Each structure stands twice: as structure tokens, then as C-alpha cells.
Amino acid sequence: MKVSDILLQSTKAYPSLEIVPPLNGISRKELLDSVRPFIEFSPKYINITCHRDEYEYVKNSDGSFTRRLVRKRISESAVCGAIQSEFKVDVVPHLICGGATKDQIDFQLQDFRFMEIENILALRGDCITGEKRFTPQEGGYRHANELVSGIREFEKQRECEGFFSIGVGGYPEKHFEAPNMEDDIAHLKAKVDAGADYVITQMFFDNSVFYSFVSKCREAGISVPIIPGLKPLSTFRQIELLPQAFSIDIPQELTSEMRLFKDDKKALYRIGELWCINQCKDLIKKGVPAVHFYTMGKADNVVNILRACF
């Protein structure tokens, strides 16, 4: 079922889940066992992230180096197929601009259509290691709004208009490359105007930031559903890593509490879980259509949050 239809028909907030394709060497059974704890909640769909192939340099016997393309994770198509087959649940693969030409993306869309996958989250994607700025593939898309337009053009060419429900990303605390929030929201509106059906936000830890973001989006003429994205903290190190990696703020209250128990792993885990539960309950109370969880392949804390909130 299309996410756009689920959002239209749902009468109360529901959880959505996002998993990361496993590293090479993980078996199909191990992958499915990592997803299985979520299935008791009858998720309406599961998001599957996409990761670019990268280059590594291999030293030759003569001392020179050869650049080789490597794929460190199982492809999202394989993960989608395994989850669909085992659990009979809809999947939402992420499709990114980075590392692919327009033709290659069209080939991927054809595969998704063949697999009867009706949902896509369209993203620009991150830089690869060593890049200071995002560099599109020659013959590829530079921005997510171009990708959304490309998906809609694919539908027209294949005479299957409206086959895909397309989601896009939004940034309550501004994308780190945007000069200001107004410019960032203008870019988001361009994605919606290109044909996106809904928005999923980057993680945040202060709900007031999300509410302000939604208000600004509505003022800018963005009327599609906006789904908040949450991730429970589980380690003290994340206080340093997440702001650097995702350009987000962590509230002082949460930071201070985590510092008090920085050597107690169980306490840290519970603090992050309870903070996320309170966020989730407040969001549901305020009428959000759904809550999206970045599971990062770890089930325990998210399962506890789902039990507490849904």
C-alpha cells in the first residue's frame, strides 16, 4: 500500500521504522532476525536506507595503488526482497542521487516496479569519504527535487503515472549546507512541488524545534504531511557524534543527565529511551500523522518505546 494512501486513511498516529542494510557477511537469517522484533507491532511499512558504493585503494606489488569500487553492504533491493518475502510487509527503499546516472536510477525504478514496490524515499545522499562537497555522477541528478522530477518523468514514459508514492527528507534544524532556514525550506518546497507526497524529518531531540519547523513549512505553502523522525540515544559518545554527523542540537537537560551517568551503560540506555518516549507521546498528543524511528539496526530500545506509545 502506498504511504500517501496510508497517511490519508489513518485516523491516528502510527509508527514507521527505518533499518540499515547489513554489512557484507551477514546472512539472510541474521538480517530477518534483527527485523523480527518489530513485526509484533504490525508496521505498515519498513524503510530501507541506501548506501553509495565507495572506492578503496589497493597496493600493488610494485608499490603503486589501484582504485577499486567496493560495496560494503548488502544491496537495498536484496534487503527489500527478503523482508517482503518473509514478513509480507511493504517496504520503502531509499533512492539517492549520489553515485548513479539518470539511466541507472531508471533501471532501479524498473526493478522496484517489477518487485511491486510502490514507495520510495528520494534523497540527494551524502558525500563519499574524501569529498568536501557533494559531487553528482556525470549524467546524474544534483539535487533531490531533480530526482523527484525524474521519478515522475519515469512514470510518464512507462505510462504508469502515480505508481510511486514519494517521500523526501526535511531538516527541522536546517541542512548543514543551507545558508539559512528560509533557504532550506525553499529547497524543501521545490521537492514537494516536483511531486513529493510527504516529508520525513531528520532526527531531533527538542519537539519545539519540530513544531516551529512545521509552522514555517506551512507558511511557505508546504501542505503535505510532515512525519517527525526520532532516534533514542543509547551511549554517551552519541552526544558528541550525532551533532557532528547530522548537524543537530541535543538539549542541555538531556546532555547534563547523560553526563551524570556517563559510566553507567544501563542508565544511559534508559535515559535515552525515556527521553524518546516523552518526545513520542507529546508528538502524538499534538496530532502528528506518524512517528518515524531511526533504529540503526538495534531493536531493544525502539521496541520498548513502541510498547509505551502505541
C-alpha atoms as a PDB file:
ATOM      1  CA  MET A   1       0.000   0.000   0.000  1.00  0.00           C
ATOM      2  CA  LYS A   2       1.258   3.492  -0.769  1.00  0.00           C
ATOM      3  CA  VAL A   3       2.426   5.616   2.145  1.00  0.00           C
ATOM      4  CA  SER A   4       0.389   8.523   0.763  1.00  0.00           C
ATOM      5  CA  ASP A   5      -2.782   6.384   0.994  1.00  0.00           C
ATOM      6  CA  ILE A   6      -1.884   5.157   4.493  1.00  0.00           C
ATOM      7  CA  LEU A   7      -1.480   8.756   5.648  1.00  0.00           C
ATOM      8  CA  LEU A   8      -4.788   9.702   4.064  1.00  0.00           C
ATOM      9  CA  GLN A   9      -6.694   6.805   5.612  1.00  0.00           C
ATOM     10  CA  SER A  10      -5.117   6.646   9.088  1.00  0.00           C
ATOM     11  CA  THR A  11      -7.230   8.008  11.905  1.00  0.00           C
ATOM     12  CA  LYS A  12      -4.435   8.016  14.482  1.00  0.00           C
ATOM     13  CA  ALA A  13      -0.647   8.227  14.570  1.00  0.00           C
ATOM     14  CA  TYR A  14       1.282   5.081  13.696  1.00  0.00           C
ATOM     15  CA  PRO A  15       4.991   4.155  13.923  1.00  0.00           C
ATOM     16  CA  SER A  16       7.242   3.728  10.921  1.00  0.00           C
ATOM     17  CA  LEU A  17      10.654   2.097  11.104  1.00  0.00           C
ATOM     18  CA  GLU A  18      13.949   2.534   9.287  1.00  0.00           C
ATOM     19  CA  ILE A  19      16.679  -0.088   9.083  1.00  0.00           C
ATOM     20  CA  VAL A  20      20.170  -0.065   7.588  1.00  0.00           C
ATOM     21  CA  PRO A  21      21.203  -2.822   5.141  1.00  0.00           C
ATOM     22  CA  PRO A  22      23.693  -5.091   6.910  1.00  0.00           C
ATOM     23  CA  LEU A  23      27.387  -5.270   6.155  1.00  0.00           C
ATOM     24  CA  ASN A  24      28.587  -7.969   3.795  1.00  0.00           C
ATOM     25  CA  GLY A  25      28.919 -11.300   5.550  1.00  0.00           C
ATOM     26  CA  ILE A  26      25.613 -11.068   7.405  1.00  0.00           C
ATOM     27  CA  SER A  27      23.268 -13.918   6.497  1.00  0.00           C
ATOM     28  CA  ARG A  28      19.665 -13.582   5.405  1.00  0.00           C
ATOM     29  CA  LYS A  29      18.570 -15.215   8.665  1.00  0.00           C
ATOM     30  CA  GLU A  30      20.584 -12.749  10.749  1.00  0.00           C
ATOM     31  CA  LEU A  31      19.023  -9.835   8.866  1.00  0.00           C
ATOM     32  CA  LEU A  32      15.483 -11.159   9.308  1.00  0.00           C
ATOM     33  CA  ASP A  33      16.070 -11.936  12.988  1.00  0.00           C
ATOM     34  CA  SER A  34      17.101  -8.288  13.526  1.00  0.00           C
ATOM     35  CA  VAL A  35      13.819  -7.121  11.980  1.00  0.00           C
ATOM     36  CA  ARG A  36      11.572  -9.745  13.603  1.00  0.00           C
ATOM     37  CA  PRO A  37      11.116  -7.942  16.979  1.00  0.00           C
ATOM     38  CA  PHE A  38       9.390  -5.068  15.174  1.00  0.00           C
ATOM     39  CA  ILE A  39       6.871  -7.285  13.402  1.00  0.00           C
ATOM     40  CA  GLU A  40       4.747  -7.800  16.540  1.00  0.00           C
ATOM     41  CA  PHE A  41       3.672  -4.170  16.124  1.00  0.00           C
ATOM     42  CA  SER A  42       2.359  -4.843  12.588  1.00  0.00           C
ATOM     43  CA  PRO A  43       4.306  -1.999  10.960  1.00  0.00           C
ATOM     44  CA  LYS A  44       2.575  -0.529   7.951  1.00  0.00           C
ATOM     45  CA  TYR A  45       5.933  -0.347   6.149  1.00  0.00           C
ATOM     46  CA  ILE A  46       9.671  -0.519   6.775  1.00  0.00           C
ATOM     47  CA  ASN A  47      12.170   1.953   5.324  1.00  0.00           C
ATOM     48  CA  ILE A  48      15.450   0.598   3.922  1.00  0.00           C
ATOM     49  CA  THR A  49      18.378   3.006   3.661  1.00  0.00           C
ATOM     50  CA  CYS A  50      20.638   3.213   0.623  1.00  0.00           C
ATOM     51  CA  HIS A  51      24.430   3.498   0.796  1.00  0.00           C
ATOM     52  CA  ARG A  52      26.736   4.535  -2.023  1.00  0.00           C
ATOM     53  CA  ASP A  53      29.440   2.248  -3.269  1.00  0.00           C
ATOM     54  CA  GLU A  54      32.828   3.708  -2.406  1.00  0.00           C
ATOM     55  CA  TYR A  55      36.382   3.466  -3.639  1.00  0.00           C
ATOM     56  CA  GLU A  56      39.324   1.956  -1.846  1.00  0.00           C
ATOM     57  CA  TYR A  57      42.963   1.948  -2.855  1.00  0.00           C
ATOM     58  CA  VAL A  58      44.719  -1.410  -3.074  1.00  0.00           C
ATOM     59  CA  LYS A  59      48.502  -1.522  -3.010  1.00  0.00           C
ATOM     60  CA  ASN A  60      50.100  -3.392  -5.892  1.00  0.00           C
ATOM     61  CA  SER A  61      53.288  -5.478  -5.715  1.00  0.00           C
ATOM     62  CA  ASP A  62      55.260  -2.700  -7.422  1.00  0.00           C
ATOM     63  CA  GLY A  63      54.236  -0.174  -4.755  1.00  0.00           C
ATOM     64  CA  SER A  64      51.631   1.587  -6.874  1.00  0.00           C
ATOM     65  CA  PHE A  65      47.950   1.740  -5.969  1.00  0.00           C
ATOM     66  CA  THR A  66      44.841   0.719  -7.871  1.00  0.00           C
ATOM     67  CA  ARG A  67      41.481   2.330  -7.167  1.00  0.00           C
ATOM     68  CA  ARG A  68      38.723  -0.252  -6.778  1.00  0.00           C
ATOM     69  CA  LEU A  69      34.976   0.192  -6.367  1.00  0.00           C
ATOM     70  CA  VAL A  70      33.643  -1.639  -3.310  1.00  0.00           C
ATOM     71  CA  ARG A  71      30.197  -2.300  -1.882  1.00  0.00           C
ATOM     72  CA  LYS A  72      30.328  -2.773   1.885  1.00  0.00           C
ATOM     73  CA  ARG A  73      26.659  -3.533   2.476  1.00  0.00           C
ATOM     74  CA  ILE A  74      24.054  -5.861   1.062  1.00  0.00           C
ATOM     75  CA  SER A  75      22.055  -4.037  -1.620  1.00  0.00           C
ATOM     76  CA  GLU A  76      18.783  -2.479  -0.531  1.00  0.00           C
ATOM     77  CA  SER A  77      16.964  -4.385  -3.298  1.00  0.00           C
ATOM     78  CA  ALA A  78      18.095  -7.676  -1.750  1.00  0.00           C
ATOM     79  CA  VAL A  79      17.031  -6.487   1.713  1.00  0.00           C
ATOM     80  CA  CYS A  80      13.662  -5.309   0.385  1.00  0.00           C
ATOM     81  CA  GLY A  81      13.063  -8.661  -1.285  1.00  0.00           C
ATOM     82  CA  ALA A  82      13.968 -10.623   1.850  1.00  0.00           C
ATOM     83  CA  ILE A  83      11.683  -8.545   4.104  1.00  0.00           C
ATOM     84  CA  GLN A  84       8.783  -8.632   1.650  1.00  0.00           C
ATOM     85  CA  SER A  85       9.078 -12.387   1.261  1.00  0.00           C
ATOM     86  CA  GLU A  86       9.416 -13.206   4.967  1.00  0.00           C
ATOM     87  CA  PHE A  87       7.036 -10.738   6.613  1.00  0.00           C
ATOM     88  CA  LYS A  88       4.612  -9.709   3.839  1.00  0.00           C
ATOM     89  CA  VAL A  89       5.093  -6.064   4.808  1.00  0.00           C
ATOM     90  CA  ASP A  90       5.520  -3.096   2.471  1.00  0.00           C
ATOM     91  CA  VAL A  91       8.988  -1.615   2.134  1.00  0.00           C
ATOM     92  CA  VAL A  92      10.174   1.911   1.347  1.00  0.00           C
ATOM     93  CA  PRO A  93      13.619   1.806  -0.274  1.00  0.00           C
ATOM     94  CA  HIS A  94      15.662   4.981  -0.232  1.00  0.00           C
ATOM     95  CA  LEU A  95      16.811   6.213  -3.625  1.00  0.00           C
ATOM     96  CA  ILE A  96      19.742   8.635  -3.769  1.00  0.00           C
ATOM     97  CA  CYS A  97      21.274  10.880  -6.408  1.00  0.00           C
ATOM     98  CA  GLY A  98      24.857  10.102  -5.423  1.00  0.00           C
ATOM     99  CA  GLY A  99      26.814   7.547  -7.407  1.00  0.00           C
ATOM    100  CA  ALA A 100      24.254   6.927 -10.142  1.00  0.00           C
ATOM    101  CA  THR A 101      23.360   8.311 -13.559  1.00  0.00           C
ATOM    102  CA  LYS A 102      19.793   9.094 -14.586  1.00  0.00           C
ATOM    103  CA  ASP A 103      19.727   5.889 -16.635  1.00  0.00           C
ATOM    104  CA  GLN A 104      20.937   3.796 -13.695  1.00  0.00           C
ATOM    105  CA  ILE A 105      18.236   5.281 -11.488  1.00  0.00           C
ATOM    106  CA  ASP A 106      15.646   4.473 -14.143  1.00  0.00           C
ATOM    107  CA  PHE A 107      16.889   0.874 -14.152  1.00  0.00           C
ATOM    108  CA  GLN A 108      16.451   0.773 -10.376  1.00  0.00           C
ATOM    109  CA  LEU A 109      12.939   2.198 -10.681  1.00  0.00           C
ATOM    110  CA  GLN A 110      12.122  -0.515 -13.193  1.00  0.00           C
ATOM    111  CA  ASP A 111      13.295  -3.139 -10.700  1.00  0.00           C
ATOM    112  CA  PHE A 112      11.175  -1.587  -7.945  1.00  0.00           C
ATOM    113  CA  ARG A 113       8.149  -1.610 -10.235  1.00  0.00           C
ATOM    114  CA  PHE A 114       8.790  -5.263 -11.102  1.00  0.00           C
ATOM    115  CA  MET A 115       9.002  -6.067  -7.373  1.00  0.00           C
ATOM    116  CA  GLU A 116       5.680  -4.226  -6.852  1.00  0.00           C
ATOM    117  CA  ILE A 117       7.372  -1.705  -4.562  1.00  0.00           C
ATOM    118  CA  GLU A 118       5.173   1.391  -4.702  1.00  0.00           C
ATOM    119  CA  ASN A 119       7.043   3.584  -2.211  1.00  0.00           C
ATOM    120  CA  ILE A 120      10.325   5.488  -2.454  1.00  0.00           C
ATOM    121  CA  LEU A 121      12.124   7.963  -0.212  1.00  0.00           C
ATOM    122  CA  ALA A 122      14.010  10.260  -2.603  1.00  0.00           C
ATOM    123  CA  LEU A 123      17.210  11.809  -1.209  1.00  0.00           C
ATOM    124  CA  ARG A 124      20.277  13.520  -2.562  1.00  0.00           C
ATOM    125  CA  GLY A 125      22.560  11.375  -0.435  1.00  0.00           C
ATOM    126  CA  ASP A 126      25.762  12.196   1.410  1.00  0.00           C
ATOM    127  CA  CYS A 127      29.259  12.889   0.215  1.00  0.00           C
ATOM    128  CA  ILE A 128      31.607   9.953  -0.067  1.00  0.00           C
ATOM    129  CA  THR A 129      34.764   9.794   2.003  1.00  0.00           C
ATOM    130  CA  GLY A 130      37.196  12.450   0.865  1.00  0.00           C
ATOM    131  CA  GLU A 131      34.605  14.780  -0.673  1.00  0.00           C
ATOM    132  CA  LYS A 132      34.152  18.241   0.808  1.00  0.00           C
ATOM    133  CA  ARG A 133      31.062  18.954  -1.271  1.00  0.00           C
ATOM    134  CA  PHE A 134      28.559  16.617  -2.876  1.00  0.00           C
ATOM    135  CA  THR A 135      29.557  15.757  -6.428  1.00  0.00           C
ATOM    136  CA  PRO A 136      26.868  14.201  -8.640  1.00  0.00           C
ATOM    137  CA  GLN A 137      27.653  11.408 -11.044  1.00  0.00           C
ATOM    138  CA  GLU A 138      28.143  12.659 -14.594  1.00  0.00           C
ATOM    139  CA  GLY A 139      24.725  12.325 -16.188  1.00  0.00           C
ATOM    140  CA  GLY A 140      23.057  12.103 -12.777  1.00  0.00           C
ATOM    141  CA  TYR A 141      20.982  14.335 -10.531  1.00  0.00           C
ATOM    142  CA  ARG A 142      22.457  17.114  -8.398  1.00  0.00           C
ATOM    143  CA  HIS A 143      19.505  17.730  -6.059  1.00  0.00           C
ATOM    144  CA  ALA A 144      16.641  15.712  -4.600  1.00  0.00           C
ATOM    145  CA  ASN A 145      13.990  17.823  -6.347  1.00  0.00           C
ATOM    146  CA  GLU A 146      15.547  16.781  -9.676  1.00  0.00           C
ATOM    147  CA  LEU A 147      15.357  13.154  -8.560  1.00  0.00           C
ATOM    148  CA  VAL A 148      11.678  13.516  -7.659  1.00  0.00           C
ATOM    149  CA  SER A 149      11.010  15.069 -11.070  1.00  0.00           C
ATOM    150  CA  GLY A 150      12.946  12.210 -12.671  1.00  0.00           C
ATOM    151  CA  ILE A 151      10.778   9.613 -10.910  1.00  0.00           C
ATOM    152  CA  ARG A 152       7.608  11.343 -12.097  1.00  0.00           C
ATOM    153  CA  GLU A 153       9.036  11.517 -15.629  1.00  0.00           C
ATOM    154  CA  PHE A 154       9.813   7.789 -15.461  1.00  0.00           C
ATOM    155  CA  GLU A 155       6.157   7.147 -14.633  1.00  0.00           C
ATOM    156  CA  LYS A 156       5.023   9.188 -17.626  1.00  0.00           C
ATOM    157  CA  GLN A 157       7.374   7.407 -20.004  1.00  0.00           C
ATOM    158  CA  ARG A 158       6.239   3.979 -18.745  1.00  0.00           C
ATOM    159  CA  GLU A 159       2.564   5.027 -18.713  1.00  0.00           C
ATOM    160  CA  CYS A 160       2.256   4.274 -15.001  1.00  0.00           C
ATOM    161  CA  GLU A 161       1.647   7.764 -13.639  1.00  0.00           C
ATOM    162  CA  GLY A 162       1.104   7.793  -9.895  1.00  0.00           C
ATOM    163  CA  PHE A 163       2.621   4.318  -9.421  1.00  0.00           C
ATOM    164  CA  PHE A 164       5.081   5.556  -6.782  1.00  0.00           C
ATOM    165  CA  SER A 165       4.385   7.370  -3.548  1.00  0.00           C
ATOM    166  CA  ILE A 166       7.434   9.571  -2.968  1.00  0.00           C
ATOM    167  CA  GLY A 167       8.723  10.826   0.359  1.00  0.00           C
ATOM    168  CA  VAL A 168      11.531  13.358   0.851  1.00  0.00           C
ATOM    169  CA  GLY A 169      13.689  14.490   3.744  1.00  0.00           C
ATOM    170  CA  GLY A 170      13.245  17.654   5.808  1.00  0.00           C
ATOM    171  CA  TYR A 171      15.566  19.279   8.356  1.00  0.00           C
ATOM    172  CA  PRO A 172      13.988  20.901  11.444  1.00  0.00           C
ATOM    173  CA  GLU A 173      17.383  22.351  12.387  1.00  0.00           C
ATOM    174  CA  LYS A 174      18.406  23.204   8.791  1.00  0.00           C
ATOM    175  CA  HIS A 175      20.546  21.167   6.445  1.00  0.00           C
ATOM    176  CA  PHE A 176      24.173  21.934   7.249  1.00  0.00           C
ATOM    177  CA  GLU A 177      24.827  23.158   3.696  1.00  0.00           C
ATOM    178  CA  ALA A 178      21.926  25.637   3.656  1.00  0.00           C
ATOM    179  CA  PRO A 179      22.812  29.276   4.433  1.00  0.00           C
ATOM    180  CA  ASN A 180      19.634  29.783   6.480  1.00  0.00           C
ATOM    181  CA  MET A 181      16.358  28.106   7.395  1.00  0.00           C
ATOM    182  CA  GLU A 182      14.323  30.076   4.863  1.00  0.00           C
ATOM    183  CA  ASP A 183      16.536  28.891   2.015  1.00  0.00           C
ATOM    184  CA  ASP A 184      16.382  25.313   3.264  1.00  0.00           C
ATOM    185  CA  ILE A 185      12.583  25.356   3.402  1.00  0.00           C
ATOM    186  CA  ALA A 186      12.519  26.805  -0.122  1.00  0.00           C
ATOM    187  CA  HIS A 187      14.521  23.768  -1.264  1.00  0.00           C
ATOM    188  CA  LEU A 188      12.060  21.504   0.547  1.00  0.00           C
ATOM    189  CA  LYS A 189       9.149  23.200  -1.198  1.00  0.00           C
ATOM    190  CA  ALA A 190      10.893  22.588  -4.536  1.00  0.00           C
ATOM    191  CA  LYS A 191      10.920  18.861  -3.731  1.00  0.00           C
ATOM    192  CA  VAL A 192       7.226  18.911  -2.864  1.00  0.00           C
ATOM    193  CA  ASP A 193       6.377  20.952  -5.964  1.00  0.00           C
ATOM    194  CA  ALA A 194       8.272  18.400  -8.052  1.00  0.00           C
ATOM    195  CA  GLY A 195       5.875  15.691  -6.899  1.00  0.00           C
ATOM    196  CA  ALA A 196       6.732  14.533  -3.367  1.00  0.00           C
ATOM    197  CA  ASP A 197       3.790  13.253  -1.322  1.00  0.00           C
ATOM    198  CA  TYR A 198       5.138  13.645   2.219  1.00  0.00           C
ATOM    199  CA  VAL A 199       8.169  14.659   4.290  1.00  0.00           C
ATOM    200  CA  ILE A 200      10.139  12.691   6.898  1.00  0.00           C
ATOM    201  CA  THR A 201      12.363  14.804   9.111  1.00  0.00           C
ATOM    202  CA  GLN A 202      15.893  14.334  10.291  1.00  0.00           C
ATOM    203  CA  MET A 203      16.126  13.273  13.938  1.00  0.00           C
ATOM    204  CA  PHE A 204      15.708  15.953  16.610  1.00  0.00           C
ATOM    205  CA  PHE A 205      15.617  15.916  20.402  1.00  0.00           C
ATOM    206  CA  ASP A 206      13.586  19.055  21.130  1.00  0.00           C
ATOM    207  CA  ASN A 207       9.957  18.887  19.995  1.00  0.00           C
ATOM    208  CA  SER A 208       9.625  22.662  19.942  1.00  0.00           C
ATOM    209  CA  VAL A 209      12.132  22.672  17.077  1.00  0.00           C
ATOM    210  CA  PHE A 210       9.853  20.344  15.109  1.00  0.00           C
ATOM    211  CA  TYR A 211       6.720  22.384  15.786  1.00  0.00           C
ATOM    212  CA  SER A 212       8.472  25.566  14.667  1.00  0.00           C
ATOM    213  CA  PHE A 213       9.688  23.816  11.522  1.00  0.00           C
ATOM    214  CA  VAL A 214       6.191  22.615  10.628  1.00  0.00           C
ATOM    215  CA  SER A 215       4.789  26.114  11.155  1.00  0.00           C
ATOM    216  CA  LYS A 216       7.412  27.612   8.828  1.00  0.00           C
ATOM    217  CA  CYS A 217       6.733  24.939   6.225  1.00  0.00           C
ATOM    218  CA  ARG A 218       3.013  25.672   6.276  1.00  0.00           C
ATOM    219  CA  GLU A 219       3.691  29.408   5.965  1.00  0.00           C
ATOM    220  CA  ALA A 220       5.847  28.616   2.917  1.00  0.00           C
ATOM    221  CA  GLY A 221       2.983  26.740   1.253  1.00  0.00           C
ATOM    222  CA  ILE A 222       4.091  23.169   2.007  1.00  0.00           C
ATOM    223  CA  SER A 223       0.847  21.324   2.718  1.00  0.00           C
ATOM    224  CA  VAL A 224       1.857  17.636   2.527  1.00  0.00           C
ATOM    225  CA  PRO A 225       2.089  15.524   5.722  1.00  0.00           C
ATOM    226  CA  ILE A 226       5.297  16.020   7.743  1.00  0.00           C
ATOM    227  CA  ILE A 227       6.403  12.974   9.750  1.00  0.00           C
ATOM    228  CA  PRO A 228       8.802  13.569  12.672  1.00  0.00           C
ATOM    229  CA  GLY A 229      11.907  11.387  12.875  1.00  0.00           C
ATOM    230  CA  LEU A 230      13.199  10.181  16.260  1.00  0.00           C
ATOM    231  CA  LYS A 231      16.209   8.246  17.491  1.00  0.00           C
ATOM    232  CA  PRO A 232      16.746   7.240  21.120  1.00  0.00           C
ATOM    233  CA  LEU A 233      20.212   7.931  22.494  1.00  0.00           C
ATOM    234  CA  SER A 234      21.881   4.811  23.846  1.00  0.00           C
ATOM    235  CA  THR A 235      25.511   5.760  24.592  1.00  0.00           C
ATOM    236  CA  PHE A 236      27.332   8.764  25.991  1.00  0.00           C
ATOM    237  CA  ARG A 237      29.510   9.005  22.884  1.00  0.00           C
ATOM    238  CA  GLN A 238      26.456   9.849  20.777  1.00  0.00           C
ATOM    239  CA  ILE A 239      26.312  13.249  22.475  1.00  0.00           C
ATOM    240  CA  GLU A 240      29.492  14.111  20.591  1.00  0.00           C
ATOM    241  CA  LEU A 241      28.986  12.080  17.421  1.00  0.00           C
ATOM    242  CA  LEU A 242      25.396  12.903  16.442  1.00  0.00           C
ATOM    243  CA  PRO A 243      25.737  16.719  16.401  1.00  0.00           C
ATOM    244  CA  GLN A 244      28.857  16.376  14.237  1.00  0.00           C
ATOM    245  CA  ALA A 245      27.369  13.793  11.883  1.00  0.00           C
ATOM    246  CA  PHE A 246      23.895  15.293  11.463  1.00  0.00           C
ATOM    247  CA  SER A 247      24.288  18.962  12.402  1.00  0.00           C
ATOM    248  CA  ILE A 248      21.720  18.766  15.201  1.00  0.00           C
ATOM    249  CA  ASP A 249      21.466  20.069  18.760  1.00  0.00           C
ATOM    250  CA  ILE A 250      20.963  17.944  21.850  1.00  0.00           C
ATOM    251  CA  PRO A 251      19.154  19.804  24.671  1.00  0.00           C
ATOM    252  CA  GLN A 252      21.185  20.795  27.693  1.00  0.00           C
ATOM    253  CA  GLU A 253      18.822  18.944  30.034  1.00  0.00           C
ATOM    254  CA  LEU A 254      19.414  15.663  28.220  1.00  0.00           C
ATOM    255  CA  THR A 255      23.141  16.287  27.864  1.00  0.00           C
ATOM    256  CA  SER A 256      23.535  17.031  31.583  1.00  0.00           C
ATOM    257  CA  GLU A 257      21.625  13.932  32.620  1.00  0.00           C
ATOM    258  CA  MET A 258      23.698  11.744  30.303  1.00  0.00           C
ATOM    259  CA  ARG A 259      26.902  13.236  31.764  1.00  0.00           C
ATOM    260  CA  LEU A 260      25.823  12.348  35.290  1.00  0.00           C
ATOM    261  CA  PHE A 261      25.689   8.675  34.301  1.00  0.00           C
ATOM    262  CA  LYS A 262      28.354   8.575  31.606  1.00  0.00           C
ATOM    263  CA  ASP A 263      29.981   5.469  33.109  1.00  0.00           C
ATOM    264  CA  ASP A 264      26.727   3.578  33.620  1.00  0.00           C
ATOM    265  CA  LYS A 265      25.747   1.990  30.297  1.00  0.00           C
ATOM    266  CA  LYS A 266      22.384   0.703  31.511  1.00  0.00           C
ATOM    267  CA  ALA A 267      21.411   4.081  32.952  1.00  0.00           C
ATOM    268  CA  LEU A 268      22.409   5.879  29.749  1.00  0.00           C
ATOM    269  CA  TYR A 269      20.349   3.460  27.697  1.00  0.00           C
ATOM    270  CA  ARG A 270      17.302   4.036  29.873  1.00  0.00           C
ATOM    271  CA  ILE A 271      17.722   7.829  29.904  1.00  0.00           C
ATOM    272  CA  GLY A 272      17.753   7.919  26.109  1.00  0.00           C
ATOM    273  CA  GLU A 273      14.777   5.592  25.934  1.00  0.00           C
ATOM    274  CA  LEU A 274      12.671   7.629  28.386  1.00  0.00           C
ATOM    275  CA  TRP A 275      13.506  10.902  26.630  1.00  0.00           C
ATOM    276  CA  CYS A 276      12.346   9.422  23.326  1.00  0.00           C
ATOM    277  CA  ILE A 277       9.162   8.046  24.923  1.00  0.00           C
ATOM    278  CA  ASN A 278       8.307  11.522  26.227  1.00  0.00           C
ATOM    279  CA  GLN A 279       9.033  13.046  22.820  1.00  0.00           C
ATOM    280  CA  CYS A 280       6.870  10.473  21.086  1.00  0.00           C
ATOM    281  CA  LYS A 281       3.914  10.830  23.450  1.00  0.00           C
ATOM    282  CA  ASP A 282       3.978  14.621  23.101  1.00  0.00           C
ATOM    283  CA  LEU A 283       4.117  14.409  19.299  1.00  0.00           C
ATOM    284  CA  ILE A 284       1.169  12.015  19.207  1.00  0.00           C
ATOM    285  CA  LYS A 285      -0.779  14.281  21.568  1.00  0.00           C
ATOM    286  CA  LYS A 286      -0.120  17.207  19.230  1.00  0.00           C
ATOM    287  CA  GLY A 287      -1.584  15.268  16.298  1.00  0.00           C
ATOM    288  CA  VAL A 288       1.323  14.159  14.113  1.00  0.00           C
ATOM    289  CA  PRO A 289       0.268  11.631  11.432  1.00  0.00           C
ATOM    290  CA  ALA A 290       3.066   9.162  12.254  1.00  0.00           C
ATOM    291  CA  VAL A 291       6.382   8.886  14.078  1.00  0.00           C
ATOM    292  CA  HIS A 292       9.434   7.612  12.200  1.00  0.00           C
ATOM    293  CA  PHE A 293      12.131   5.757  14.159  1.00  0.00           C
ATOM    294  CA  TYR A 294      15.768   5.528  13.135  1.00  0.00           C
ATOM    295  CA  THR A 295      16.520   2.084  14.555  1.00  0.00           C
ATOM    296  CA  MET A 296      20.130   1.820  13.311  1.00  0.00           C
ATOM    297  CA  GLY A 297      19.669  -1.963  13.396  1.00  0.00           C
ATOM    298  CA  LYS A 298      19.044  -2.087  17.158  1.00  0.00           C
ATOM    299  CA  ALA A 299      15.651  -3.246  18.331  1.00  0.00           C
ATOM    300  CA  ASP A 300      15.503  -3.275  22.144  1.00  0.00           C
ATOM    301  CA  ASN A 301      15.050   0.406  22.935  1.00  0.00           C
ATOM    302  CA  VAL A 302      12.772   1.092  19.957  1.00  0.00           C
ATOM    303  CA  VAL A 303      10.611  -1.913  20.846  1.00  0.00           C
ATOM    304  CA  ASN A 304      10.257  -0.559  24.404  1.00  0.00           C
ATOM    305  CA  ILE A 305       9.292   2.850  23.028  1.00  0.00           C
ATOM    306  CA  LEU A 306       6.702   1.343  20.706  1.00  0.00           C
ATOM    307  CA  ARG A 307       5.183  -0.602  23.608  1.00  0.00           C
ATOM    308  CA  ALA A 308       4.972   2.565  25.688  1.00  0.00           C
ATOM    309  CA  CYS A 309       3.481   4.785  22.982  1.00  0.00           C
ATOM    310  CA  PHE A 310       1.407   2.752  20.540  1.00  0.00           C
END
